Protein backbone atom coordinates (compact mmCIF):
# COMPACT_ATOMS: atom_id res chain seq x y z
CA UNK A 1 0.00 0.00 0.00
CA UNK A 2 1.33 3.45 -0.78
CA UNK A 3 0.73 6.72 1.03
CA UNK A 4 -2.13 7.84 -1.23
CA UNK A 5 -3.92 4.50 -0.86
CA UNK A 6 -3.53 4.62 2.92
CA UNK A 7 -4.94 8.16 3.08
CA UNK A 8 -7.89 7.21 0.88
CA UNK A 9 -8.55 4.00 2.83
CA UNK A 10 -9.02 6.17 5.90
CA UNK A 11 -11.52 8.33 4.03
CA UNK A 12 -9.29 11.40 4.04
CA UNK A 13 -8.78 13.97 1.33
CA UNK A 14 -5.42 15.70 1.08
CA UNK A 15 -7.02 18.80 2.60
CA UNK A 16 -8.51 16.86 5.53
CA UNK A 17 -5.19 15.14 6.22
CA UNK A 18 -3.36 18.47 6.07
CA UNK A 19 -5.79 19.91 8.65
CA UNK A 20 -5.06 16.95 10.98
CA UNK A 21 -1.40 17.92 11.24
CA UNK A 22 -0.18 19.98 14.20
CA UNK A 23 1.51 22.56 11.99
CA UNK A 24 -0.34 22.41 8.67
CA UNK A 25 2.24 22.48 5.87
CA UNK A 26 2.07 24.22 2.51
CA UNK A 27 -0.90 23.07 0.45
CA UNK A 28 1.33 21.04 -1.93
CA UNK A 29 3.13 19.09 0.78
CA UNK A 30 0.76 16.11 0.91
CA UNK A 31 0.88 15.62 -2.86
CA UNK A 32 4.69 15.95 -2.75
CA UNK A 33 4.85 13.28 -0.05
CA UNK A 34 2.56 10.99 -2.04
CA UNK A 35 4.80 11.45 -5.09
CA UNK A 36 7.88 10.48 -3.06
CA UNK A 37 9.40 13.96 -3.10
CA UNK A 38 11.22 15.63 -0.21
CA UNK A 39 9.24 16.83 2.80
CA UNK A 40 10.48 17.98 6.19
CA UNK A 41 11.16 15.37 8.84
CA UNK A 42 8.68 17.12 11.15
CA UNK A 43 5.96 16.78 8.50
CA UNK A 44 6.88 13.11 7.99
CA UNK A 45 6.44 12.41 11.72
CA UNK A 46 3.16 14.33 11.77
CA UNK A 47 1.89 12.41 8.73
CA UNK A 48 2.79 9.10 10.36
CA UNK A 49 0.97 10.13 13.53
CA UNK A 50 -2.11 11.40 11.65
CA UNK A 51 -2.30 8.19 9.61
CA UNK A 52 -1.60 5.99 12.66
CA UNK A 53 1.47 4.28 11.22
CA UNK A 54 5.06 4.02 12.41
CA UNK A 55 7.50 6.43 10.78
CA UNK A 56 9.38 3.44 9.32
CA UNK A 57 6.20 2.28 7.57
CA UNK A 58 5.65 5.76 6.17
CA UNK A 59 9.12 5.84 4.63
CA UNK A 60 8.65 2.36 3.20
CA UNK A 61 5.49 3.54 1.44
CA UNK A 62 7.34 6.14 -0.59
CA UNK A 63 10.37 4.08 -1.62
C-alpha atoms as a PDB file:
ATOM      1  CA  UNK A   1       0.000   0.000   0.000  1.00  0.00           C
ATOM      2  CA  UNK A   2       1.326   3.449  -0.776  1.00  0.00           C
ATOM      3  CA  UNK A   3       0.731   6.724   1.027  1.00  0.00           C
ATOM      4  CA  UNK A   4      -2.126   7.841  -1.232  1.00  0.00           C
ATOM      5  CA  UNK A   5      -3.918   4.499  -0.864  1.00  0.00           C
ATOM      6  CA  UNK A   6      -3.527   4.622   2.919  1.00  0.00           C
ATOM      7  CA  UNK A   7      -4.936   8.156   3.083  1.00  0.00           C
ATOM      8  CA  UNK A   8      -7.889   7.212   0.882  1.00  0.00           C
ATOM      9  CA  UNK A   9      -8.550   3.996   2.829  1.00  0.00           C
ATOM     10  CA  UNK A  10      -9.021   6.173   5.900  1.00  0.00           C
ATOM     11  CA  UNK A  11     -11.517   8.333   4.028  1.00  0.00           C
ATOM     12  CA  UNK A  12      -9.287  11.399   4.040  1.00  0.00           C
ATOM     13  CA  UNK A  13      -8.782  13.968   1.331  1.00  0.00           C
ATOM     14  CA  UNK A  14      -5.418  15.701   1.076  1.00  0.00           C
ATOM     15  CA  UNK A  15      -7.019  18.798   2.598  1.00  0.00           C
ATOM     16  CA  UNK A  16      -8.506  16.860   5.530  1.00  0.00           C
ATOM     17  CA  UNK A  17      -5.186  15.141   6.224  1.00  0.00           C
ATOM     18  CA  UNK A  18      -3.363  18.471   6.067  1.00  0.00           C
ATOM     19  CA  UNK A  19      -5.787  19.909   8.645  1.00  0.00           C
ATOM     20  CA  UNK A  20      -5.062  16.948  10.975  1.00  0.00           C
ATOM     21  CA  UNK A  21      -1.396  17.918  11.243  1.00  0.00           C
ATOM     22  CA  UNK A  22      -0.180  19.982  14.202  1.00  0.00           C
ATOM     23  CA  UNK A  23       1.512  22.556  11.994  1.00  0.00           C
ATOM     24  CA  UNK A  24      -0.338  22.409   8.671  1.00  0.00           C
ATOM     25  CA  UNK A  25       2.238  22.480   5.874  1.00  0.00           C
ATOM     26  CA  UNK A  26       2.071  24.217   2.514  1.00  0.00           C
ATOM     27  CA  UNK A  27      -0.905  23.068   0.446  1.00  0.00           C
ATOM     28  CA  UNK A  28       1.325  21.038  -1.933  1.00  0.00           C
ATOM     29  CA  UNK A  29       3.132  19.093   0.780  1.00  0.00           C
ATOM     30  CA  UNK A  30       0.760  16.109   0.908  1.00  0.00           C
ATOM     31  CA  UNK A  31       0.880  15.624  -2.864  1.00  0.00           C
ATOM     32  CA  UNK A  32       4.687  15.952  -2.749  1.00  0.00           C
ATOM     33  CA  UNK A  33       4.854  13.275  -0.050  1.00  0.00           C
ATOM     34  CA  UNK A  34       2.559  10.989  -2.036  1.00  0.00           C
ATOM     35  CA  UNK A  35       4.800  11.454  -5.089  1.00  0.00           C
ATOM     36  CA  UNK A  36       7.881  10.481  -3.056  1.00  0.00           C
ATOM     37  CA  UNK A  37       9.403  13.960  -3.096  1.00  0.00           C
ATOM     38  CA  UNK A  38      11.219  15.626  -0.207  1.00  0.00           C
ATOM     39  CA  UNK A  39       9.244  16.834   2.797  1.00  0.00           C
ATOM     40  CA  UNK A  40      10.484  17.976   6.191  1.00  0.00           C
ATOM     41  CA  UNK A  41      11.164  15.372   8.843  1.00  0.00           C
ATOM     42  CA  UNK A  42       8.680  17.120  11.146  1.00  0.00           C
ATOM     43  CA  UNK A  43       5.960  16.781   8.505  1.00  0.00           C
ATOM     44  CA  UNK A  44       6.882  13.111   7.990  1.00  0.00           C
ATOM     45  CA  UNK A  45       6.444  12.405  11.717  1.00  0.00           C
ATOM     46  CA  UNK A  46       3.157  14.327  11.773  1.00  0.00           C
ATOM     47  CA  UNK A  47       1.886  12.407   8.727  1.00  0.00           C
ATOM     48  CA  UNK A  48       2.792   9.101  10.363  1.00  0.00           C
ATOM     49  CA  UNK A  49       0.969  10.131  13.526  1.00  0.00           C
ATOM     50  CA  UNK A  50      -2.109  11.401  11.653  1.00  0.00           C
ATOM     51  CA  UNK A  51      -2.296   8.192   9.607  1.00  0.00           C
ATOM     52  CA  UNK A  52      -1.602   5.990  12.661  1.00  0.00           C
ATOM     53  CA  UNK A  53       1.474   4.281  11.219  1.00  0.00           C
ATOM     54  CA  UNK A  54       5.057   4.016  12.406  1.00  0.00           C
ATOM     55  CA  UNK A  55       7.499   6.428  10.783  1.00  0.00           C
ATOM     56  CA  UNK A  56       9.379   3.442   9.323  1.00  0.00           C
ATOM     57  CA  UNK A  57       6.196   2.281   7.568  1.00  0.00           C
ATOM     58  CA  UNK A  58       5.646   5.761   6.166  1.00  0.00           C
ATOM     59  CA  UNK A  59       9.123   5.843   4.628  1.00  0.00           C
ATOM     60  CA  UNK A  60       8.651   2.355   3.203  1.00  0.00           C
ATOM     61  CA  UNK A  61       5.489   3.539   1.438  1.00  0.00           C
ATOM     62  CA  UNK A  62       7.341   6.136  -0.589  1.00  0.00           C
ATOM     63  CA  UNK A  63      10.368   4.080  -1.624  1.00  0.00           C
END
